[in-house]
Protein backbone atom coordinates (compact mmCIF):
# COMPACT_ATOMS: atom_id res chain seq x y z
CA MET A 1 13.48 16.47 -33.30
CA THR A 2 14.66 18.24 -36.45
CA ALA A 3 13.71 21.91 -36.72
CA PRO A 4 11.61 22.85 -39.75
CA THR A 5 13.14 25.38 -42.15
CA ARG A 6 9.86 27.36 -42.20
CA PRO A 7 7.69 28.67 -39.35
CA VAL A 8 6.58 25.88 -37.03
CA ARG A 9 2.91 24.90 -37.38
CA VAL A 10 1.32 22.72 -34.69
CA ALA A 11 -2.04 21.54 -33.43
CA ALA A 12 -2.87 22.63 -29.88
CA VAL A 13 -5.62 20.54 -28.29
CA ASP A 14 -7.02 22.67 -25.44
CA LEU A 15 -9.73 20.93 -23.40
CA GLY A 16 -12.03 22.61 -20.92
CA ALA A 17 -14.79 21.22 -18.74
CA THR A 18 -17.53 22.78 -20.89
CA SER A 19 -15.90 22.83 -24.33
CA GLY A 20 -12.84 21.68 -26.20
CA ARG A 21 -11.09 23.07 -29.20
CA VAL A 22 -8.26 22.31 -31.56
CA MET A 23 -6.17 25.27 -32.60
CA ALA A 24 -3.66 25.66 -35.39
CA GLY A 25 -0.66 27.55 -34.07
CA ARG A 26 2.09 29.02 -36.27
CA VAL A 27 5.33 30.33 -34.73
CA GLY A 28 8.05 32.24 -36.52
CA PRO A 29 10.91 34.46 -35.32
CA ARG A 30 8.59 37.47 -34.93
CA SER A 31 5.16 35.91 -35.38
CA LEU A 32 2.70 33.96 -33.27
CA HIS A 33 -0.62 33.17 -34.87
CA LEU A 34 -3.46 31.11 -33.47
CA GLU A 35 -6.51 29.93 -35.39
CA GLU A 36 -9.40 27.89 -34.03
CA VAL A 37 -10.21 25.11 -36.48
CA HIS A 38 -12.52 22.91 -34.45
CA ARG A 39 -14.65 23.45 -31.34
CA PHE A 40 -16.97 21.00 -29.63
CA PRO A 41 -19.13 20.94 -26.50
CA ASN A 42 -17.97 19.03 -23.45
CA GLY A 43 -19.48 18.27 -20.08
CA GLY A 44 -20.20 15.61 -17.52
CA VAL A 45 -22.53 12.79 -18.45
CA ARG A 46 -24.78 11.36 -15.72
CA ALA A 47 -25.28 7.60 -15.76
CA HIS A 48 -26.45 5.28 -12.99
CA GLY A 49 -26.12 8.00 -10.37
CA SER A 50 -22.57 9.02 -11.25
CA LEU A 51 -20.97 11.77 -13.33
CA PHE A 52 -18.50 10.74 -16.05
CA TRP A 53 -16.51 12.23 -18.92
CA ASP A 54 -17.23 10.99 -22.43
CA VAL A 55 -13.52 10.54 -23.10
CA LEU A 56 -14.04 8.53 -26.29
CA GLY A 57 -16.15 11.37 -27.64
CA ILE A 58 -13.35 13.79 -26.73
CA HIS A 59 -10.88 11.53 -28.55
CA ARG A 60 -13.10 11.47 -31.62
CA GLU A 61 -13.34 15.27 -31.66
CA LEU A 62 -9.58 15.57 -31.09
CA LEU A 63 -8.94 13.46 -34.18
CA ALA A 64 -11.43 15.47 -36.23
CA GLY A 65 -9.76 18.73 -35.22
CA VAL A 66 -6.17 17.61 -35.80
CA ARG A 67 -7.23 16.12 -39.15
CA GLU A 68 -8.56 19.56 -40.15
CA VAL A 69 -5.28 21.23 -39.10
CA ALA A 70 -3.34 18.71 -41.19
CA ARG A 71 -5.69 19.20 -44.14
CA THR A 72 -5.15 22.95 -44.26
CA GLY A 73 -1.35 23.11 -44.07
CA PRO A 74 1.86 21.47 -42.87
CA LEU A 75 1.71 19.95 -39.38
CA ASP A 76 4.82 19.62 -37.24
CA GLY A 77 3.45 18.48 -33.89
CA ILE A 78 0.51 17.90 -31.55
CA GLY A 79 0.18 18.97 -27.91
CA ILE A 80 -2.66 18.39 -25.45
CA ASP A 81 -3.65 20.31 -22.33
CA SER A 82 -6.75 19.97 -20.16
CA TRP A 83 -8.11 20.41 -16.67
CA ALA A 84 -6.36 18.51 -13.90
CA VAL A 85 -6.91 15.59 -11.47
CA ASP A 86 -9.22 13.32 -13.54
CA TYR A 87 -7.86 10.05 -14.91
CA GLY A 88 -8.52 6.81 -16.74
CA LEU A 89 -7.40 3.33 -15.76
CA LEU A 90 -5.89 0.83 -18.21
CA ASP A 91 -5.86 -2.94 -17.78
CA ARG A 92 -2.82 -5.10 -18.51
CA ASP A 93 -3.76 -5.18 -22.21
CA GLY A 94 -3.80 -1.40 -22.38
CA HIS A 95 -7.58 -1.14 -22.59
CA LEU A 96 -9.59 1.54 -20.78
CA LEU A 97 -11.47 0.25 -17.74
CA GLY A 98 -14.61 2.37 -18.01
CA ASN A 99 -15.33 6.04 -18.53
CA PRO A 100 -13.31 8.40 -16.29
CA TYR A 101 -15.25 9.97 -13.46
CA SER A 102 -15.71 13.72 -13.32
CA HIS A 103 -14.13 15.44 -10.33
CA ARG A 104 -17.57 16.94 -9.67
CA ASP A 105 -18.98 13.47 -8.94
CA ALA A 106 -20.01 12.97 -5.32
CA ARG A 107 -18.06 9.76 -4.76
CA SER A 108 -15.15 11.56 -3.10
CA ASP A 109 -17.35 13.50 -0.64
CA GLY A 110 -15.91 13.10 2.86
CA VAL A 111 -12.92 11.07 1.68
CA ALA A 112 -10.33 13.77 2.38
CA ALA A 113 -11.19 13.81 6.07
CA ARG A 114 -10.68 10.03 6.28
CA VAL A 115 -7.36 10.19 4.48
CA LEU A 116 -6.10 12.96 6.74
CA GLN A 117 -6.78 10.73 9.74
CA GLN A 118 -4.22 8.29 8.28
CA VAL A 119 -1.74 10.88 7.01
CA GLY A 120 -1.79 14.09 9.01
CA ALA A 121 -2.61 17.29 7.17
CA ALA A 122 0.80 18.77 7.96
CA GLU A 123 2.62 15.73 6.60
CA MET A 124 0.41 15.63 3.50
CA TYR A 125 1.19 19.27 2.78
CA ALA A 126 4.91 18.89 3.44
CA THR A 127 4.99 16.14 0.80
CA THR A 128 2.57 17.35 -1.86
CA GLY A 129 2.26 21.08 -1.16
CA LEU A 130 -1.35 21.00 -2.31
CA GLN A 131 -4.49 22.85 -1.40
CA GLN A 132 -6.94 20.44 0.19
CA LEU A 133 -9.55 20.07 -2.52
CA PRO A 134 -12.06 17.25 -2.09
CA PHE A 135 -11.61 16.04 -5.66
CA ASN A 136 -7.81 15.71 -5.77
CA THR A 137 -6.83 12.50 -7.56
CA VAL A 138 -5.65 10.84 -4.35
CA TYR A 139 -9.13 11.20 -2.83
CA GLN A 140 -10.83 9.97 -6.00
CA LEU A 141 -8.61 6.90 -5.92
CA VAL A 142 -9.25 6.22 -2.24
CA ALA A 143 -12.97 6.43 -3.03
CA ALA A 144 -12.36 3.78 -5.70
CA ARG A 145 -10.59 1.31 -3.38
CA GLY A 146 -12.12 -2.13 -3.60
CA THR A 147 -13.72 -1.53 -7.00
CA ALA A 148 -13.18 -4.02 -9.80
CA ALA A 149 -11.69 -1.31 -12.00
CA LEU A 150 -8.95 -0.27 -9.57
CA GLU A 151 -8.15 -3.86 -8.67
CA ALA A 152 -7.71 -4.71 -12.37
CA ALA A 153 -5.79 -1.55 -13.22
CA GLU A 154 -2.27 -1.80 -14.56
CA THR A 155 -1.74 1.92 -15.35
CA LEU A 156 -3.29 5.23 -14.36
CA LEU A 157 -3.22 8.01 -16.94
CA LEU A 158 -4.36 11.58 -16.40
CA LEU A 159 -6.67 12.71 -19.18
CA PRO A 160 -4.13 14.49 -21.44
CA ASP A 161 -1.78 11.53 -21.04
CA LEU A 162 -4.59 9.09 -21.84
CA LEU A 163 -5.34 10.93 -25.07
CA GLY A 164 -1.63 11.05 -25.87
CA TYR A 165 -1.43 7.29 -25.25
CA TRP A 166 -4.19 6.66 -27.77
CA LEU A 167 -2.22 8.70 -30.32
CA THR A 168 1.21 7.13 -29.72
CA GLY A 169 0.88 3.94 -27.67
CA ASN A 170 3.26 5.38 -25.03
CA VAL A 171 2.35 5.80 -21.36
CA GLY A 172 3.61 8.52 -19.05
CA ALA A 173 2.58 11.39 -16.80
CA GLU A 174 3.51 14.99 -17.55
CA ARG A 175 4.75 16.70 -14.40
CA THR A 176 2.60 19.84 -14.28
CA ASN A 177 -0.54 17.69 -14.21
CA ALA A 178 1.02 14.99 -12.02
CA SER A 179 1.73 17.69 -9.43
CA THR A 180 -2.03 18.24 -8.95
CA THR A 181 -2.82 14.66 -7.95
CA GLY A 182 -1.84 14.62 -4.28
CA LEU A 183 0.46 11.72 -5.15
CA TYR A 184 3.47 13.78 -6.29
CA ASP A 185 6.34 14.78 -4.01
CA VAL A 186 6.84 18.47 -4.73
CA ARG A 187 10.31 18.44 -3.17
CA SER A 188 11.82 15.39 -4.87
CA GLY A 189 9.96 15.76 -8.17
CA GLY A 190 8.87 12.11 -8.13
CA TRP A 191 5.82 10.10 -7.20
CA ALA A 192 5.07 9.95 -3.46
CA THR A 193 4.91 6.15 -3.43
CA ASP A 194 5.18 5.84 0.35
CA LEU A 195 2.20 8.13 0.80
CA ALA A 196 0.19 6.15 -1.77
CA ALA A 197 0.97 2.88 0.02
CA ARG A 198 -0.05 4.31 3.40
CA VAL A 199 -3.53 5.18 2.14
CA GLY A 200 -3.95 1.78 0.51
CA LEU A 201 -3.37 2.70 -3.11
CA PRO A 202 -1.52 0.54 -5.66
CA TRP A 203 1.32 2.96 -6.40
CA ALA A 204 2.63 0.69 -9.18
CA VAL A 205 -0.14 2.03 -11.45
CA LEU A 206 1.59 5.44 -11.53
CA PRO A 207 3.42 5.78 -14.89
CA PRO A 208 6.86 7.24 -15.63
CA LEU A 209 7.07 11.03 -15.41
CA ARG A 210 7.89 13.32 -18.31
CA ASP A 211 8.63 17.05 -18.57
CA PRO A 212 7.02 19.72 -20.76
CA GLY A 213 8.84 19.64 -24.08
CA ASP A 214 9.57 15.91 -23.95
CA LEU A 215 8.55 13.73 -26.86
CA VAL A 216 5.51 11.64 -25.93
CA GLY A 217 5.97 9.63 -29.12
CA ARG A 218 5.16 9.60 -32.78
CA VAL A 219 1.68 8.82 -33.98
CA LEU A 220 0.72 5.20 -34.52
CA PRO A 221 0.16 4.06 -38.11
CA GLU A 222 -3.60 3.75 -37.57
CA VAL A 223 -3.68 7.29 -36.16
CA ALA A 224 -1.61 8.65 -39.05
CA ALA A 225 -4.10 7.09 -41.45
CA GLN A 226 -7.01 8.76 -39.64
CA LEU A 227 -5.25 12.13 -39.58
CA GLY A 228 -3.92 11.98 -43.13
CA THR A 229 -0.32 12.42 -41.93
CA THR A 230 2.88 10.39 -41.84
CA THR A 231 3.95 8.36 -38.81
CA ASP A 232 6.82 10.85 -38.25
CA LEU A 233 4.38 13.30 -36.67
CA PRO A 234 5.43 13.88 -33.04
CA VAL A 235 3.17 14.32 -30.04
CA VAL A 236 4.94 16.72 -27.67
CA ALA A 237 4.33 16.95 -23.92
CA VAL A 238 3.32 20.52 -23.09
CA GLY A 239 2.26 21.98 -19.76
CA SER A 240 -0.63 19.52 -19.88
CA HIS A 241 -2.42 21.14 -16.97
CA ASP A 242 -4.13 23.99 -18.80
CA THR A 243 -3.14 26.47 -16.09
CA ALA A 244 0.54 25.58 -16.57
CA SER A 245 0.16 26.33 -20.27
CA ALA A 246 -1.80 29.50 -19.50
CA VAL A 247 0.96 30.81 -17.24
CA VAL A 248 3.45 30.31 -20.08
CA GLY A 249 1.17 32.60 -22.09
CA VAL A 250 1.21 35.41 -19.48
CA PRO A 251 2.85 38.37 -21.29
CA ALA A 252 4.78 39.55 -18.23
CA THR A 253 7.90 41.70 -18.39
CA GLU A 254 8.60 41.75 -14.66
CA ASP A 255 9.38 38.97 -12.16
CA ASP A 256 6.98 40.21 -9.49
CA PHE A 257 3.72 39.71 -11.32
CA ALA A 258 0.54 38.07 -10.12
CA TYR A 259 -1.74 36.15 -12.42
CA ILE A 260 -5.33 35.03 -12.60
CA SER A 261 -6.02 32.28 -15.09
CA SER A 262 -9.72 32.90 -15.44
CA GLY A 263 -11.97 30.23 -16.84
CA THR A 264 -14.31 27.64 -15.37
CA TRP A 265 -11.92 27.82 -12.43
CA SER A 266 -9.93 30.89 -11.47
CA LEU A 267 -6.35 30.08 -10.52
CA VAL A 268 -5.01 33.01 -8.53
CA GLY A 269 -1.36 33.21 -7.68
CA LEU A 270 2.34 33.80 -8.31
CA GLU A 271 5.12 32.12 -10.27
CA LEU A 272 7.99 31.08 -7.99
CA ASP A 273 11.28 29.23 -8.22
CA GLU A 274 10.65 27.11 -5.09
CA PRO A 275 7.54 25.81 -3.32
CA VAL A 276 6.27 27.50 -0.16
CA LEU A 277 5.72 24.68 2.33
CA THR A 278 5.34 26.64 5.53
CA GLU A 279 2.68 25.96 8.12
CA ALA A 280 1.19 29.36 7.32
CA ALA A 281 0.85 28.36 3.66
CA ARG A 282 -0.84 25.11 4.67
CA LEU A 283 -3.29 26.86 6.98
CA ALA A 284 -4.05 29.35 4.20
CA ASP A 285 -4.73 26.31 1.98
CA PHE A 286 -2.46 27.41 -0.86
CA THR A 287 -1.21 25.00 -3.46
CA ASN A 288 2.24 24.45 -5.01
CA GLU A 289 1.85 23.01 -8.49
CA GLY A 290 4.50 22.36 -11.10
CA GLY A 291 5.05 24.85 -13.89
CA VAL A 292 6.99 24.79 -17.13
CA ASP A 293 10.80 24.94 -16.83
CA GLY A 294 10.78 23.86 -13.19
CA THR A 295 8.79 26.82 -11.93
CA VAL A 296 6.18 26.56 -9.18
CA ARG A 297 2.61 27.83 -9.51
CA PHE A 298 1.84 29.04 -6.00
CA LEU A 299 -1.88 29.62 -6.14
CA LYS A 300 -5.38 29.26 -4.83
CA ASN A 301 -8.22 27.59 -6.70
CA VAL A 302 -11.27 29.86 -6.79
CA MET A 303 -14.62 28.64 -8.09
CA GLY A 304 -14.35 30.93 -11.11
CA MET A 305 -16.66 31.58 -14.04
CA TRP A 306 -18.32 28.23 -13.37
CA VAL A 307 -20.70 29.97 -10.97
CA LEU A 308 -21.80 32.48 -13.61
CA SER A 309 -22.00 30.00 -16.49
CA GLU A 310 -24.11 27.62 -14.36
CA SER A 311 -26.40 30.52 -13.48
CA VAL A 312 -26.78 31.49 -17.13
CA ARG A 313 -27.58 27.85 -17.96
CA ALA A 314 -30.25 27.78 -15.24
CA TRP A 315 -31.88 30.97 -16.52
CA ALA A 316 -31.81 29.59 -20.06
CA ASP A 317 -33.58 26.43 -18.85
CA GLU A 318 -36.20 28.65 -17.22
CA ARG A 319 -36.44 30.71 -20.44
CA ILE A 320 -35.94 33.96 -18.57
CA ALA A 321 -35.80 36.86 -21.05
CA GLY A 322 -32.74 39.10 -21.00
CA ALA A 323 -30.58 36.54 -19.21
CA ASP A 324 -27.99 36.19 -21.96
CA LEU A 325 -24.44 37.00 -20.88
CA PRO A 326 -24.00 40.35 -22.72
CA SER A 327 -27.28 41.69 -21.31
CA LEU A 328 -26.41 40.46 -17.82
CA LEU A 329 -22.98 42.10 -17.85
CA ALA A 330 -24.41 45.36 -19.15
CA GLY A 331 -27.02 45.35 -16.40
CA ALA A 332 -24.51 44.35 -13.74
CA ALA A 333 -22.26 47.31 -14.65
CA ASP A 334 -25.07 49.64 -13.59
CA ALA A 335 -26.19 47.61 -10.55
CA PRO A 336 -25.34 48.70 -6.99
CA ALA A 337 -21.75 47.76 -6.16
CA LEU A 338 -20.98 45.41 -3.26
CA ARG A 339 -24.63 45.23 -2.26
CA THR A 340 -24.50 41.46 -1.84
CA VAL A 341 -21.29 39.47 -1.44
CA VAL A 342 -20.86 35.78 -0.62
CA ASP A 343 -18.04 33.29 -0.20
CA ILE A 344 -17.64 32.32 -3.83
CA ASN A 345 -15.53 29.31 -2.79
CA ASP A 346 -18.26 27.71 -0.69
CA PRO A 347 -18.16 23.97 -1.58
CA ARG A 348 -21.92 24.00 -2.11
CA LEU A 349 -21.29 25.87 -5.36
CA LEU A 350 -19.14 23.04 -6.78
CA PRO A 351 -21.66 20.58 -8.30
CA PRO A 352 -23.95 21.34 -11.23
CA GLY A 353 -27.60 22.03 -10.45
CA THR A 354 -30.12 19.31 -11.18
CA SER A 355 -33.38 21.10 -10.33
CA ALA A 356 -34.81 24.55 -9.65
CA ALA A 357 -34.12 24.10 -5.94
CA THR A 358 -30.46 23.22 -6.55
CA SER A 359 -29.82 25.68 -9.37
CA MET A 360 -26.83 27.98 -9.00
CA PRO A 361 -28.95 31.14 -8.51
CA ALA A 362 -30.92 29.35 -5.77
CA ARG A 363 -27.71 28.37 -4.00
CA ILE A 364 -26.33 31.92 -4.27
CA ALA A 365 -29.56 33.20 -2.71
CA ARG A 366 -29.27 30.73 0.18
CA LEU A 367 -25.66 31.71 0.85
CA ALA A 368 -26.64 35.39 0.92
CA GLU A 369 -29.52 34.72 3.29
CA GLU A 370 -27.33 32.68 5.66
CA ALA A 371 -24.76 35.48 5.73
CA GLY A 372 -27.35 38.15 6.43
CA GLU A 373 -26.74 39.76 3.06
CA PRO A 374 -29.51 41.21 0.86
CA VAL A 375 -30.82 38.29 -1.20
CA PRO A 376 -30.36 38.90 -4.95
CA ARG A 377 -33.73 38.37 -6.63
CA THR A 378 -33.01 39.07 -10.31
CA PRO A 379 -30.50 37.65 -12.80
CA VAL A 380 -28.72 41.00 -12.96
CA ALA A 381 -28.46 41.18 -9.15
CA VAL A 382 -27.13 37.61 -8.99
CA THR A 383 -24.60 38.39 -11.74
CA ARG A 384 -23.34 41.48 -9.89
CA CYS A 385 -23.13 39.46 -6.67
CA ILE A 386 -21.02 36.80 -8.41
CA LEU A 387 -18.62 39.32 -9.99
CA ASP A 388 -18.18 41.35 -6.80
CA SER A 389 -17.61 38.15 -4.83
CA LEU A 390 -15.03 36.92 -7.34
CA ALA A 391 -13.15 40.23 -7.18
CA LEU A 392 -13.16 40.01 -3.37
CA ALA A 393 -11.77 36.48 -3.51
CA TYR A 394 -9.03 37.58 -5.92
CA ARG A 395 -8.16 40.50 -3.60
CA ARG A 396 -7.94 38.29 -0.52
CA HIS A 397 -5.96 35.45 -2.07
CA LEU A 398 -3.48 37.63 -3.95
CA ARG A 399 -2.70 39.50 -0.74
CA VAL A 400 -2.19 36.25 1.18
CA ALA A 401 -0.05 34.76 -1.62
CA ALA A 402 2.20 37.81 -1.64
CA ASP A 403 2.60 37.72 2.14
CA LEU A 404 3.37 33.99 2.22
CA ALA A 405 5.88 34.15 -0.63
CA GLY A 406 7.50 37.44 0.41
CA ARG A 407 6.60 39.08 -2.88
CA ALA A 408 5.14 42.48 -3.72
CA PRO A 409 3.43 42.16 -7.12
CA THR A 410 3.09 45.36 -9.11
CA VAL A 411 0.60 44.14 -11.72
CA VAL A 412 -2.06 41.47 -12.10
CA HIS A 413 -2.23 39.63 -15.41
CA VAL A 414 -5.65 38.16 -16.19
CA VAL A 415 -5.56 35.54 -18.94
CA GLY A 416 -8.07 33.06 -20.26
CA GLY A 417 -11.71 33.55 -21.15
CA GLY A 418 -12.37 35.75 -18.13
CA SER A 419 -9.97 38.37 -19.53
CA GLN A 420 -12.76 39.29 -21.97
CA ASN A 421 -15.10 40.12 -19.05
CA HIS A 422 -14.10 43.76 -18.77
CA LEU A 423 -16.39 44.43 -15.82
CA LEU A 424 -14.71 41.68 -13.79
CA CYS A 425 -11.26 42.92 -14.83
CA GLN A 426 -12.09 46.46 -13.69
CA LEU A 427 -13.51 45.18 -10.40
CA THR A 428 -10.32 43.14 -9.92
CA ALA A 429 -8.19 46.27 -10.38
CA ASP A 430 -10.43 48.17 -7.97
CA ALA A 431 -10.37 45.41 -5.37
CA THR A 432 -6.64 44.69 -5.46
CA GLY A 433 -5.49 48.29 -5.91
CA LEU A 434 -3.19 47.10 -8.71
CA PRO A 435 -3.33 47.65 -12.45
CA VAL A 436 -4.77 44.72 -14.37
CA LEU A 437 -3.48 43.70 -17.79
CA ALA A 438 -6.11 41.54 -19.46
CA GLY A 439 -5.25 39.11 -22.21
CA PRO A 440 -4.63 37.03 -24.09
CA SER A 441 -7.88 35.11 -23.79
CA GLU A 442 -6.29 32.08 -25.45
CA ALA A 443 -3.31 31.90 -23.09
CA ALA A 444 -3.54 28.14 -22.50
CA ALA A 445 -3.53 27.35 -26.22
CA LEU A 446 -0.70 29.84 -26.79
CA GLY A 447 1.38 28.25 -24.03
CA ASN A 448 0.70 24.84 -25.55
CA VAL A 449 1.87 26.10 -28.97
CA LEU A 450 4.96 27.83 -27.61
CA VAL A 451 6.25 24.81 -25.69
CA GLN A 452 5.74 22.65 -28.77
CA ALA A 453 7.49 25.19 -30.98
CA ARG A 454 10.50 25.38 -28.67
CA SER A 455 10.77 21.60 -28.62
CA LEU A 456 10.61 21.60 -32.42
CA GLY A 457 13.47 24.10 -32.69
CA ALA A 458 11.72 27.45 -33.09
CA GLY A 459 14.40 29.33 -31.15
CA LEU A 460 12.55 30.25 -27.95
CA PRO A 461 15.16 29.55 -25.27
CA ASP A 462 13.19 30.39 -22.15
CA LEU A 463 9.93 31.63 -20.67
CA ALA A 464 11.01 35.24 -21.09
CA ALA A 465 11.38 34.77 -24.84
CA MET A 466 8.02 33.05 -25.12
CA ARG A 467 6.30 35.80 -23.14
CA ASP A 468 8.00 38.51 -25.15
CA LEU A 469 6.61 36.97 -28.34
CA VAL A 470 3.10 36.89 -26.83
CA ARG A 471 3.39 40.51 -25.76
CA ARG A 472 4.54 41.67 -29.21
CA THR A 473 1.81 39.82 -31.09
CA HIS A 474 -1.33 40.16 -28.93
CA GLU A 475 -3.39 43.11 -27.79
CA LEU A 476 -3.75 43.70 -24.04
CA HIS A 477 -6.26 45.82 -22.16
CA ARG A 478 -5.16 47.81 -19.11
CA PHE A 479 -7.46 48.58 -16.18
CA GLU A 480 -6.36 51.07 -13.55
CA PRO A 481 -7.76 50.80 -10.02
CA ARG A 482 -10.51 53.28 -9.13
CA PRO A 483 -11.09 54.57 -5.59
CA GLY A 484 -14.40 54.92 -3.87
CA LEU A 485 -15.73 51.49 -2.91
CA ASP A 486 -15.42 49.96 0.56
CA TRP A 487 -13.61 46.75 -0.33
CA ASP A 488 -12.27 46.38 3.22
CA GLY A 489 -15.80 46.42 4.63
CA ALA A 490 -17.06 44.01 1.97
CA GLU A 491 -14.24 41.59 2.70
CA ALA A 492 -15.02 41.76 6.41
CA ARG A 493 -18.64 40.86 5.67
CA VAL A 494 -17.56 37.74 3.77
CA THR A 495 -14.90 36.56 6.20
CA SER A 496 -17.06 37.10 9.28
CA ALA A 497 -20.13 35.32 7.87
């Protein structure tokens, strides 16, 4: 791809489980500017007892956003990142075989246990290096065995790759997202076709792999007409798993840093050169996912801000006064610390609530009662419980990650939307005993933009150069750990429950 003679300007499509946005990113030798041009709501859609993604609606909004970027200035490229594991199936004519399922759908409940009877847990981990999450792509696909859609499928595309296919007509799987599926061999860097065959999956549906920075293709004529661009416009593969892009946007100066990519999920871990595939890592249920430039994201999935956002949604449905997020955080800052703590990664917190009895606050209360903890009765008490419990989870998992990888991190970088939650950032510093650097909040979109810009010739040779540009152009907030709270005792209460 020919480098522009002016600053590179690209569209970064950054998709989350509750909202999506299209950002205009401009990168020059000493500048990095990000502007949101289009935002739209997203979420699972229930139909006939199942939970789906409205992927055609997402595609429509993607086109609207990129069209607006193109309307307001030159456009040199498009990159797409999103959450992981979910996919669409194409038939032999390249048509989508139904709406993609959400990973929060119940169809994969209990499937992992059945699969691990066929392929032992140790062997599965030695191949894929993944945390055993019930919604990993491999388990979703096993749940779909025997369905008309899977039997008719010619190609499987993860969601960012599906959207890229609709823009360019080219199929492929970007590695950082492929590495989350449970069908990727973390050692060889290829698809684990033998594993797929052993669990009865048609491995031939897995598309060719591509790396971050590769050209997906140039936009189709019909797409160019919709966007108001020429057909020379490239779509660039970025770290299409949003966490991979977010880690690119971590403004670290040191090698031994820890990160928390804080959004709907919290991804808590370290950046390594090689996977950690020890038995201790498997028993600790840590994951090894691909990062940009061949790095490994050694991390733990933690339930994240999902628990708080679902609680806020429940209180809004009940029309409870004073249950807006700013009021809740202000109240939680003054609430008793560590009064109630729960296992924030309890699988019962995964699905959305569908009634008052299954609302997130009701489930938090049940977990507290089961653990013998004081039951939080008010929105402020529930909010403080969630934040304290998240900080405890971060403390525990960062310590384990450091021990397993033989690292001693000196700072925790919090990026993503959760970096704006200053109470949680302070609690994280207190719990871990390490300084926390919070920001940027738009790390995933920035990582998306930076990988595109490098591919387009913007002169960013490596991750260090990208991170240096982020650090010089974005404000960070530092939180020093404060003494005084019994985090050891609180952790013991959670782990012994």
